[in-house]
PDB file of N, CA and C in Angstrom:
ATOM      1  N   UNK A   1      14.876  -1.057  11.063  1.00  0.00           N
ATOM      2  CA  UNK A   1      14.149  -1.991  10.149  1.00  0.00           C
ATOM      3  C   UNK A   1      13.051  -1.262   9.395  1.00  0.00           C
ATOM      4  N   UNK A   2      12.339  -0.971  10.343  1.00  0.00           N
ATOM      5  CA  UNK A   2      10.776  -0.073   9.808  1.00  0.00           C
ATOM      6  C   UNK A   2      11.398   1.188   8.874  1.00  0.00           C
ATOM      7  N   UNK A   3      12.373   1.875   9.137  1.00  0.00           N
ATOM      8  CA  UNK A   3      12.619   2.887   8.653  1.00  0.00           C
ATOM      9  C   UNK A   3      13.325   2.686   7.217  1.00  0.00           C
ATOM     10  N   UNK A   4      14.263   1.729   7.110  1.00  0.00           N
ATOM     11  CA  UNK A   4      14.525   1.217   5.914  1.00  0.00           C
ATOM     12  C   UNK A   4      13.421   0.805   5.049  1.00  0.00           C
ATOM     13  N   UNK A   5      12.802  -0.202   5.632  1.00  0.00           N
ATOM     14  CA  UNK A   5      11.442  -0.736   4.804  1.00  0.00           C
ATOM     15  C   UNK A   5      10.439   0.469   4.394  1.00  0.00           C
ATOM     16  N   UNK A   6      10.323   1.514   5.323  1.00  0.00           N
ATOM     17  CA  UNK A   6       9.557   2.629   4.810  1.00  0.00           C
ATOM     18  C   UNK A   6      10.186   3.419   3.800  1.00  0.00           C
ATOM     19  N   UNK A   7      11.476   3.485   3.853  1.00  0.00           N
ATOM     20  CA  UNK A   7      12.014   4.340   2.595  1.00  0.00           C
ATOM     21  C   UNK A   7      12.123   3.602   1.458  1.00  0.00           C
ATOM     22  N   UNK A   8      12.027   2.359   1.410  1.00  0.00           N
ATOM     23  CA  UNK A   8      11.895   1.531   0.248  1.00  0.00           C
ATOM     24  C   UNK A   8      10.458   1.551  -0.294  1.00  0.00           C
ATOM     25  N   UNK A   9       9.480   1.640   0.624  1.00  0.00           N
ATOM     26  CA  UNK A   9       7.991   1.538   0.251  1.00  0.00           C
ATOM     27  C   UNK A   9       7.684   2.936  -0.420  1.00  0.00           C
ATOM     28  N   UNK A  10       8.310   3.934   0.076  1.00  0.00           N
ATOM     29  CA  UNK A  10       8.139   5.457  -0.549  1.00  0.00           C
ATOM     30  C   UNK A  10       8.703   5.570  -1.705  1.00  0.00           C
ATOM     31  N   UNK A  11       9.813   5.044  -1.991  1.00  0.00           N
ATOM     32  CA  UNK A  11      10.447   5.070  -3.318  1.00  0.00           C
ATOM     33  C   UNK A  11       9.914   4.260  -4.423  1.00  0.00           C
ATOM     34  N   UNK A  12       9.502   3.125  -3.917  1.00  0.00           N
ATOM     35  CA  UNK A  12       8.911   2.193  -4.945  1.00  0.00           C
ATOM     36  C   UNK A  12       7.454   2.659  -5.128  1.00  0.00           C
ATOM     37  N   UNK A  13       6.730   3.209  -4.226  1.00  0.00           N
ATOM     38  CA  UNK A  13       5.300   3.700  -4.582  1.00  0.00           C
ATOM     39  C   UNK A  13       5.511   4.835  -5.438  1.00  0.00           C
ATOM     40  N   UNK A  14       6.168   5.778  -5.082  1.00  0.00           N
ATOM     41  CA  UNK A  14       6.488   6.919  -5.876  1.00  0.00           C
ATOM     42  C   UNK A  14       6.544   6.599  -7.359  1.00  0.00           C
ATOM     43  N   UNK A  15       7.585   5.577  -7.544  1.00  0.00           N
ATOM     44  CA  UNK A  15       7.975   5.155  -9.192  1.00  0.00           C
ATOM     45  C   UNK A  15       6.655   4.481  -9.676  1.00  0.00           C
ATOM     46  N   UNK A  16       5.984   3.447  -8.783  1.00  0.00           N
ATOM     47  CA  UNK A  16       4.766   3.008  -9.419  1.00  0.00           C
ATOM     48  C   UNK A  16       3.674   3.981  -9.663  1.00  0.00           C
ATOM     49  N   UNK A  17       3.477   5.100  -9.130  1.00  0.00           N
ATOM     50  CA  UNK A  17       2.595   6.150  -9.298  1.00  0.00           C
ATOM     51  C   UNK A  17       2.868   6.898 -10.615  1.00  0.00           C
ATOM     52  N   UNK A  18       4.415   7.186 -10.683  1.00  0.00           N
ATOM     53  CA  UNK A  18       4.900   7.584 -11.850  1.00  0.00           C
ATOM     54  C   UNK A  18       4.539   6.975 -13.059  1.00  0.00           C
ATOM     55  N   UNK A  19       4.855   5.725 -12.929  1.00  0.00           N
ATOM     56  CA  UNK A  19       4.653   5.053 -14.211  1.00  0.00           C
ATOM     57  C   UNK A  19       3.230   4.689 -14.429  1.00  0.00           C
ATOM     58  N   UNK A  20       2.482   4.530 -13.614  1.00  0.00           N
ATOM     59  CA  UNK A  20       0.991   4.181 -13.799  1.00  0.00           C
ATOM     60  C   UNK A  20       0.501   5.190 -14.291  1.00  0.00           C
ATOM     61  N   UNK A  21       0.597   6.415 -13.803  1.00  0.00           N
ATOM     62  CA  UNK A  21      -0.199   7.730 -14.284  1.00  0.00           C
ATOM     63  C   UNK A  21       0.444   8.000 -15.911  1.00  0.00           C
ATOM     64  N   UNK A  22       1.678   7.743 -15.999  1.00  0.00           N
ATOM     65  CA  UNK A  22       2.049   7.952 -17.467  1.00  0.00           C
ATOM     66  C   UNK A  22       1.585   6.862 -18.396  1.00  0.00           C
ATOM     67  N   UNK A  23       1.309   5.746 -18.076  1.00  0.00           N
ATOM     68  CA  UNK A  23       0.616   4.661 -18.740  1.00  0.00           C
ATOM     69  C   UNK A  23      -0.770   4.359 -18.570  1.00  0.00           C
ATOM     70  N   UNK A  24      -1.302   5.329 -18.240  1.00  0.00           N
ATOM     71  CA  UNK A  24      -3.055   5.106 -17.911  1.00  0.00           C
ATOM     72  C   UNK A  24      -3.801   4.851 -19.197  1.00  0.00           C
ATOM     73  N   UNK A  25      -3.319   5.582 -20.106  1.00  0.00           N
ATOM     74  CA  UNK A  25      -3.885   5.593 -21.406  1.00  0.00           C
ATOM     75  C   UNK A  25      -3.839   4.117 -22.025  1.00  0.00           C
ATOM     76  N   UNK A  26      -3.127   3.378 -21.542  1.00  0.00           N
ATOM     77  CA  UNK A  26      -2.978   1.819 -21.972  1.00  0.00           C
ATOM     78  C   UNK A  26      -3.918   1.171 -21.631  1.00  0.00           C
ATOM     79  N   UNK A  27      -4.501   1.641 -20.247  1.00  0.00           N
ATOM     80  CA  UNK A  27      -5.468   0.716 -19.727  1.00  0.00           C
ATOM     81  C   UNK A  27      -4.796  -0.294 -18.754  1.00  0.00           C
ATOM     82  N   UNK A  28      -5.655  -0.553 -17.931  1.00  0.00           N
ATOM     83  CA  UNK A  28      -5.061  -1.601 -16.863  1.00  0.00           C
ATOM     84  C   UNK A  28      -4.304  -1.088 -15.933  1.00  0.00           C
ATOM     85  N   UNK A  29      -4.072   0.080 -15.713  1.00  0.00           N
ATOM     86  CA  UNK A  29      -3.148   0.594 -14.997  1.00  0.00           C
ATOM     87  C   UNK A  29      -3.674   0.992 -13.335  1.00  0.00           C
ATOM     88  N   UNK A  30      -4.867   1.122 -13.159  1.00  0.00           N
ATOM     89  CA  UNK A  30      -5.363   1.342 -11.902  1.00  0.00           C
ATOM     90  C   UNK A  30      -4.828   0.736 -10.832  1.00  0.00           C
ATOM     91  N   UNK A  31      -4.594  -0.569 -10.964  1.00  0.00           N
ATOM     92  CA  UNK A  31      -4.051  -1.308  -9.695  1.00  0.00           C
ATOM     93  C   UNK A  31      -2.689  -0.833  -9.615  1.00  0.00           C
ATOM     94  N   UNK A  32      -1.926  -0.417 -10.570  1.00  0.00           N
ATOM     95  CA  UNK A  32      -0.469   0.136 -10.273  1.00  0.00           C
ATOM     96  C   UNK A  32      -0.668   1.380  -9.594  1.00  0.00           C
ATOM     97  N   UNK A  33      -1.618   2.409  -9.989  1.00  0.00           N
ATOM     98  CA  UNK A  33      -1.741   3.655  -9.545  1.00  0.00           C
ATOM     99  C   UNK A  33      -1.972   3.451  -7.828  1.00  0.00           C
ATOM    100  N   UNK A  34      -3.063   2.377  -7.659  1.00  0.00           N
ATOM    101  CA  UNK A  34      -3.364   2.437  -6.306  1.00  0.00           C
ATOM    102  C   UNK A  34      -2.377   1.893  -5.413  1.00  0.00           C
ATOM    103  N   UNK A  35      -1.606   0.959  -5.745  1.00  0.00           N
ATOM    104  CA  UNK A  35      -0.574   0.235  -5.212  1.00  0.00           C
ATOM    105  C   UNK A  35       0.523   1.316  -4.918  1.00  0.00           C
ATOM    106  N   UNK A  36       0.760   2.128  -6.016  1.00  0.00           N
ATOM    107  CA  UNK A  36       1.795   3.153  -5.739  1.00  0.00           C
ATOM    108  C   UNK A  36       1.614   4.023  -4.491  1.00  0.00           C
ATOM    109  N   UNK A  37       0.116   4.399  -4.473  1.00  0.00           N
ATOM    110  CA  UNK A  37      -0.203   5.307  -3.644  1.00  0.00           C
ATOM    111  C   UNK A  37      -0.123   4.722  -2.159  1.00  0.00           C
ATOM    112  N   UNK A  38      -0.646   3.465  -2.178  1.00  0.00           N
ATOM    113  CA  UNK A  38      -0.789   2.614  -0.946  1.00  0.00           C
ATOM    114  C   UNK A  38       0.742   2.464  -0.307  1.00  0.00           C
ATOM    115  N   UNK A  39       1.535   2.228  -1.136  1.00  0.00           N
ATOM    116  CA  UNK A  39       2.897   2.139  -0.778  1.00  0.00           C
ATOM    117  C   UNK A  39       3.404   3.390  -0.402  1.00  0.00           C
ATOM    118  N   UNK A  40       3.447   4.360  -0.940  1.00  0.00           N
ATOM    119  CA  UNK A  40       3.871   5.731  -0.490  1.00  0.00           C
ATOM    120  C   UNK A  40       3.297   5.939   0.917  1.00  0.00           C
ATOM    121  N   UNK A  41       1.859   5.735   1.065  1.00  0.00           N
ATOM    122  CA  UNK A  41       1.283   6.118   2.457  1.00  0.00           C
ATOM    123  C   UNK A  41       1.837   5.099   3.510  1.00  0.00           C
ATOM    124  N   UNK A  42       1.891   3.825   3.087  1.00  0.00           N
ATOM    125  CA  UNK A  42       2.516   2.587   4.299  1.00  0.00           C
ATOM    126  C   UNK A  42       3.889   2.999   4.532  1.00  0.00           C
ATOM    127  N   UNK A  43       4.634   3.361   3.590  1.00  0.00           N
ATOM    128  CA  UNK A  43       6.167   3.817   3.625  1.00  0.00           C
ATOM    129  C   UNK A  43       6.378   5.065   4.777  1.00  0.00           C
ATOM    130  N   UNK A  44       5.385   5.971   4.633  1.00  0.00           N
ATOM    131  CA  UNK A  44       5.567   6.933   5.674  1.00  0.00           C
ATOM    132  C   UNK A  44       5.196   6.553   7.003  1.00  0.00           C
ATOM    133  N   UNK A  45       4.168   5.825   6.767  1.00  0.00           N
ATOM    134  CA  UNK A  45       3.593   5.076   8.113  1.00  0.00           C
ATOM    135  C   UNK A  45       4.648   4.671   9.050  1.00  0.00           C
ATOM    136  N   UNK A  46       5.345   3.345   8.284  1.00  0.00           N
ATOM    137  CA  UNK A  46       6.298   2.549   8.749  1.00  0.00           C
ATOM    138  C   UNK A  46       7.382   3.315   9.448  1.00  0.00           C
ATOM    139  N   UNK A  47       7.935   4.500   8.583  1.00  0.00           N
ATOM    140  CA  UNK A  47       8.840   5.508   9.393  1.00  0.00           C
ATOM    141  C   UNK A  47       8.439   5.942  10.518  1.00  0.00           C
ATOM    142  N   UNK A  48       7.328   6.498  10.438  1.00  0.00           N
ATOM    143  CA  UNK A  48       6.667   7.036  11.550  1.00  0.00           C
ATOM    144  C   UNK A  48       6.573   6.174  12.901  1.00  0.00           C
ATOM    145  N   UNK A  49       6.209   4.914  12.481  1.00  0.00           N
ATOM    146  CA  UNK A  49       5.995   3.950  13.728  1.00  0.00           C
ATOM    147  C   UNK A  49       7.462   3.746  14.143  1.00  0.00           C
ATOM    148  N   UNK A  50       8.319   3.683  13.291  1.00  0.00           N
ATOM    149  CA  UNK A  50       9.800   3.248  13.798  1.00  0.00           C
ATOM    150  C   UNK A  50      10.370   3.981  15.105  1.00  0.00           C
ATOM    151  N   UNK A  51       9.777   5.235  14.969  1.00  0.00           N
ATOM    152  CA  UNK A  51      10.217   5.930  16.294  1.00  0.00           C
ATOM    153  C   UNK A  51       9.410   5.838  17.467  1.00  0.00           C
ATOM    154  N   UNK A  52       8.310   5.079  17.280  1.00  0.00           N
ATOM    155  CA  UNK A  52       7.484   5.119  18.648  1.00  0.00           C
ATOM    156  C   UNK A  52       8.019   3.973  19.518  1.00  0.00           C
ATOM    157  N   UNK A  53       7.308   3.828  20.816  1.00  0.00           N
ATOM    158  CA  UNK A  53       7.631   2.794  21.637  1.00  0.00           C
ATOM    159  C   UNK A  53       6.863   1.371  21.196  1.00  0.00           C
ATOM    160  N   UNK A  54       5.773   1.388  20.357  1.00  0.00           N
ATOM    161  CA  UNK A  54       5.237   0.213  20.005  1.00  0.00           C
ATOM    162  C   UNK A  54       5.602  -0.154  18.648  1.00  0.00           C
ATOM    163  N   UNK A  55       6.665  -0.065  18.009  1.00  0.00           N
ATOM    164  CA  UNK A  55       7.078  -0.267  16.777  1.00  0.00           C
ATOM    165  C   UNK A  55       7.033  -1.655  16.913  1.00  0.00           C
ATOM    166  N   UNK A  56       6.706  -2.392  15.476  1.00  0.00           N
ATOM    167  CA  UNK A  56       6.437  -3.825  15.199  1.00  0.00           C
ATOM    168  C   UNK A  56       6.533  -4.137  13.761  1.00  0.00           C
ATOM    169  N   UNK A  57       6.907  -5.219  13.326  1.00  0.00           N
ATOM    170  CA  UNK A  57       7.276  -5.667  12.052  1.00  0.00           C
ATOM    171  C   UNK A  57       6.030  -6.312  11.638  1.00  0.00           C
ATOM    172  N   UNK A  58       4.943  -6.248  12.511  1.00  0.00           N
ATOM    173  CA  UNK A  58       3.845  -7.094  12.047  1.00  0.00           C
ATOM    174  C   UNK A  58       2.873  -6.581  10.835  1.00  0.00           C
ATOM    175  N   UNK A  59       2.953  -5.289  10.825  1.00  0.00           N
ATOM    176  CA  UNK A  59       2.353  -4.452   9.799  1.00  0.00           C
ATOM    177  C   UNK A  59       2.893  -4.890   8.469  1.00  0.00           C
ATOM    178  N   UNK A  60       3.876  -5.264   8.504  1.00  0.00           N
ATOM    179  CA  UNK A  60       4.712  -5.579   7.141  1.00  0.00           C
ATOM    180  C   UNK A  60       3.809  -6.613   6.361  1.00  0.00           C
ATOM    181  N   UNK A  61       3.357  -7.748   7.261  1.00  0.00           N
ATOM    182  CA  UNK A  61       2.841  -8.684   6.586  1.00  0.00           C
ATOM    183  C   UNK A  61       1.433  -8.434   5.811  1.00  0.00           C
ATOM    184  N   UNK A  62       0.616  -7.318   6.342  1.00  0.00           N
ATOM    185  CA  UNK A  62      -0.484  -7.031   5.571  1.00  0.00           C
ATOM    186  C   UNK A  62      -0.163  -6.354   4.175  1.00  0.00           C
ATOM    187  N   UNK A  63       1.069  -5.232   4.446  1.00  0.00           N
ATOM    188  CA  UNK A  63       1.461  -4.836   3.303  1.00  0.00           C
ATOM    189  C   UNK A  63       1.884  -5.454   2.168  1.00  0.00           C
ATOM    190  N   UNK A  64       2.762  -6.663   2.570  1.00  0.00           N
ATOM    191  CA  UNK A  64       3.394  -7.508   1.667  1.00  0.00           C
ATOM    192  C   UNK A  64       2.063  -8.321   0.958  1.00  0.00           C
ATOM    193  N   UNK A  65       1.121  -8.610   1.682  1.00  0.00           N
ATOM    194  CA  UNK A  65       0.147  -9.200   1.179  1.00  0.00           C
ATOM    195  C   UNK A  65      -0.765  -8.573   0.334  1.00  0.00           C
ATOM    196  N   UNK A  66      -1.025  -7.073   0.576  1.00  0.00           N
ATOM    197  CA  UNK A  66      -1.875  -6.414  -0.346  1.00  0.00           C
ATOM    198  C   UNK A  66      -0.856  -6.020  -1.660  1.00  0.00           C
ATOM    199  N   UNK A  67       0.379  -5.841  -1.397  1.00  0.00           N
ATOM    200  CA  UNK A  67       1.136  -5.635  -2.500  1.00  0.00           C
ATOM    201  C   UNK A  67       1.068  -6.769  -3.701  1.00  0.00           C
ATOM    202  N   UNK A  68       1.079  -7.953  -2.910  1.00  0.00           N
ATOM    203  CA  UNK A  68       0.993  -9.293  -4.051  1.00  0.00           C
ATOM    204  C   UNK A  68      -0.397  -9.307  -4.669  1.00  0.00           C
ATOM    205  N   UNK A  69      -1.385  -8.897  -3.875  1.00  0.00           N
ATOM    206  CA  UNK A  69      -2.593  -8.858  -4.844  1.00  0.00           C
ATOM    207  C   UNK A  69      -2.579  -7.890  -5.799  1.00  0.00           C
ATOM    208  N   UNK A  70      -2.304  -6.763  -5.557  1.00  0.00           N
ATOM    209  CA  UNK A  70      -2.250  -5.487  -6.533  1.00  0.00           C
ATOM    210  C   UNK A  70      -1.341  -6.069  -7.734  1.00  0.00           C
ATOM    211  N   UNK A  71      -0.227  -6.772  -7.429  1.00  0.00           N
ATOM    212  CA  UNK A  71       0.651  -7.297  -8.584  1.00  0.00           C
ATOM    213  C   UNK A  71       0.021  -8.169  -9.361  1.00  0.00           C
ATOM    214  N   UNK A  72      -0.687  -9.191  -8.653  1.00  0.00           N
ATOM    215  CA  UNK A  72      -1.494 -10.097  -9.263  1.00  0.00           C
ATOM    216  C   UNK A  72      -2.506  -9.483 -10.425  1.00  0.00           C
ATOM    217  N   UNK A  73      -3.176  -8.559  -9.751  1.00  0.00           N
ATOM    218  CA  UNK A  73      -4.287  -7.972 -10.698  1.00  0.00           C
ATOM    219  C   UNK A  73      -3.726  -7.220 -11.599  1.00  0.00           C
ATOM    220  N   UNK A  74      -2.705  -6.532 -11.395  1.00  0.00           N
ATOM    221  CA  UNK A  74      -1.795  -5.854 -12.396  1.00  0.00           C
ATOM    222  C   UNK A  74      -1.459  -6.773 -13.462  1.00  0.00           C
ATOM    223  N   UNK A  75      -0.712  -7.799 -13.210  1.00  0.00           N
ATOM    224  CA  UNK A  75      -0.419  -8.934 -14.313  1.00  0.00           C
ATOM    225  C   UNK A  75      -1.484  -9.393 -15.145  1.00  0.00           C
ATOM    226  N   UNK A  76      -2.821  -9.795 -14.399  1.00  0.00           N
ATOM    227  CA  UNK A  76      -3.929 -10.193 -14.985  1.00  0.00           C
ATOM    228  C   UNK A  76      -4.610  -9.130 -16.182  1.00  0.00           C
ATOM    229  N   UNK A  77      -4.415  -7.951 -15.790  1.00  0.00           N
ATOM    230  CA  UNK A  77      -5.129  -7.219 -16.581  1.00  0.00           C
ATOM    231  C   UNK A  77      -4.301  -6.835 -17.836  1.00  0.00           C
ATOM    232  N   UNK A  78      -3.070  -6.770 -17.304  1.00  0.00           N
ATOM    233  CA  UNK A  78      -2.171  -6.201 -18.657  1.00  0.00           C
ATOM    234  C   UNK A  78      -1.931  -7.275 -19.516  1.00  0.00           C
ATOM    235  N   UNK A  79      -1.939  -8.876 -19.019  1.00  0.00           N
ATOM    236  CA  UNK A  79      -1.933  -9.779 -19.627  1.00  0.00           C
ATOM    237  C   UNK A  79      -3.173  -9.774 -21.049  1.00  0.00           C
ATOM    238  N   UNK A  80      -4.286  -9.340 -20.424  1.00  0.00           N
ATOM    239  CA  UNK A  80      -5.670  -9.440 -21.319  1.00  0.00           C
ATOM    240  C   UNK A  80      -5.548  -8.300 -22.273  1.00  0.00           C
ATOM    241  N   UNK A  81      -4.780  -7.110 -21.657  1.00  0.00           N
ATOM    242  CA  UNK A  81      -4.806  -5.943 -22.839  1.00  0.00           C
ATOM    243  C   UNK A  81      -3.585  -6.248 -23.956  1.00  0.00           C
ATOM    244  N   UNK A  82      -2.819  -7.054 -23.430  1.00  0.00           N
ATOM    245  CA  UNK A  82      -1.676  -7.416 -24.461  1.00  0.00           C
ATOM    246  C   UNK A  82      -2.318  -8.548 -25.725  1.00  0.00           C
TER     247      UNK A  82
END
């Protein structure tokens, strides 16, 4: 499960990074860029953790919460820019 979640997080994170960097001139993209970077790193961490004896799904809760916060910040900043 952690490997699948890790692969998804890396993929989603890289997409966010690319889109955020491409749109940075629009303003309000720092949250998307930060979220993409964190997702990419977290995905690599999840995949690495999956092979260990202490593998746990507990870390996913923090990742999901932080992702929600960054999504909310992005939505609020982009809403103001529009």
